[in-house]
Protein backbone atom coordinates (compact mmCIF):
# COMPACT_ATOMS: atom_id res chain seq x y z
CA UNK A 1 -0.01 -0.05 0.03
CA UNK A 2 1.34 3.22 -1.11
CA UNK A 3 0.33 6.61 0.81
CA UNK A 4 1.08 10.01 -0.74
CA UNK A 5 1.21 13.30 1.13
CA UNK A 6 -1.13 15.75 -0.73
CA UNK A 7 -0.94 19.55 -0.70
CA UNK A 8 -3.92 21.18 1.33
CA UNK A 9 -6.97 22.33 -0.66
CA UNK A 10 -7.84 26.10 -0.48
CA UNK A 11 -10.87 27.40 1.54
CA UNK A 12 -12.70 28.01 -2.02
CA UNK A 13 -11.86 24.32 -3.08
CA UNK A 14 -13.23 22.97 0.32
CA UNK A 15 -16.45 24.98 -0.08
CA UNK A 16 -16.83 23.64 -3.66
CA UNK A 17 -16.10 19.98 -2.61
CA UNK A 18 -19.13 20.52 0.05
CA UNK A 19 -21.25 21.89 -2.66
CA UNK A 20 -20.41 18.81 -5.14
CA UNK A 21 -21.02 16.56 -2.15
CA UNK A 22 -24.40 18.21 -1.61
CA UNK A 23 -25.55 17.97 -5.01
CA UNK A 24 -24.45 14.45 -4.96
CA UNK A 25 -26.61 13.65 -2.11
CA UNK A 26 -29.57 14.73 -4.05
CA UNK A 27 -28.99 12.35 -6.96
CA UNK A 28 -27.41 9.50 -5.74
CA UNK A 29 -29.24 6.20 -4.89
CA UNK A 30 -29.34 4.17 -1.77
CA UNK A 31 -26.65 1.68 -3.23
CA UNK A 32 -24.25 4.68 -3.86
CA UNK A 33 -24.60 6.20 -0.64
CA UNK A 34 -23.92 2.88 1.22
CA UNK A 35 -21.07 2.21 -0.66
CA UNK A 36 -19.66 5.79 0.16
CA UNK A 37 -20.48 5.07 3.84
CA UNK A 38 -18.49 1.65 3.82
CA UNK A 39 -15.73 3.61 2.30
CA UNK A 40 -15.82 6.15 5.05
CA UNK A 41 -15.82 3.34 7.53
CA UNK A 42 -12.61 2.24 6.02
CA UNK A 43 -11.04 5.51 6.16
CA UNK A 44 -12.22 6.28 9.58
CA UNK A 45 -13.53 3.47 11.48
CA UNK A 46 -15.97 4.49 14.22
CA UNK A 47 -14.99 8.21 13.72
CA UNK A 48 -16.58 11.18 12.25
CA UNK A 49 -15.13 11.89 8.71
CA UNK A 50 -15.70 14.96 6.72
CA UNK A 51 -16.17 14.42 2.90
CA UNK A 52 -13.08 16.50 2.64
CA UNK A 53 -10.79 13.95 4.62
CA UNK A 54 -12.77 10.95 3.05
CA UNK A 55 -11.73 12.03 -0.72
CA UNK A 56 -8.28 13.26 0.34
CA UNK A 57 -7.63 9.67 2.02
CA UNK A 58 -8.82 8.11 -1.24
CA UNK A 59 -6.48 10.25 -3.33
CA UNK A 60 -3.69 9.29 -0.77
CA UNK A 61 -4.50 5.67 -1.10
CA UNK A 62 -5.08 4.26 -4.54
CA UNK A 63 -6.55 1.00 -3.27
CA UNK A 64 -9.34 3.35 -2.03
CA UNK A 65 -9.82 5.46 -5.02
CA UNK A 66 -12.10 3.15 -6.83
CA UNK A 67 -14.58 3.37 -4.18
CA UNK A 68 -15.36 6.97 -4.79
CA UNK A 69 -18.73 7.05 -6.33
CA UNK A 70 -18.62 7.85 -10.26
CA UNK A 71 -21.01 10.50 -10.26
CA UNK A 72 -19.41 12.51 -7.27
CA UNK A 73 -16.11 12.35 -9.20
CA UNK A 74 -17.98 13.84 -12.04
CA UNK A 75 -19.31 16.45 -9.95
CA UNK A 76 -15.79 17.37 -8.80
CA UNK A 77 -14.57 17.44 -12.25
CA UNK A 78 -17.33 19.98 -13.19
CA UNK A 79 -16.37 22.03 -10.22
CA UNK A 80 -12.52 22.09 -11.32
CA UNK A 81 -11.54 20.44 -8.03
CA UNK A 82 -8.43 18.71 -7.80
CA UNK A 83 -8.50 15.15 -9.06
CA UNK A 84 -6.17 12.39 -7.77
CA UNK A 85 -3.79 12.70 -10.67
CA UNK A 86 -3.41 16.22 -10.04
CA UNK A 87 -2.80 15.96 -6.35
CA UNK A 88 -0.10 13.36 -7.15
CA UNK A 89 1.82 15.34 -9.45
CA UNK A 90 1.74 18.49 -7.16
CA UNK A 91 2.95 16.30 -4.41
CA UNK A 92 5.71 15.07 -6.53
CA UNK A 93 6.91 18.45 -7.78
């Protein structure tokens, strides 16, 4: 398992992430929601975990990345939020 150190998101990016997550909650189905909650439990078992921490943890651990719902990733892309490959290259450089 490889863990990457990622740059911090700006306040604007964090607000956009919360907006994308809220939008996703409106359109997701029960299965997608349950999968995300299972992923959250993997990232922070028994703890409170923000959507920012969850997404950034998935970016840092490629083994978890596939667990992010595709529709959520699409909404993040639409808001020009950092995607895993962007964070990884910024951390490397």
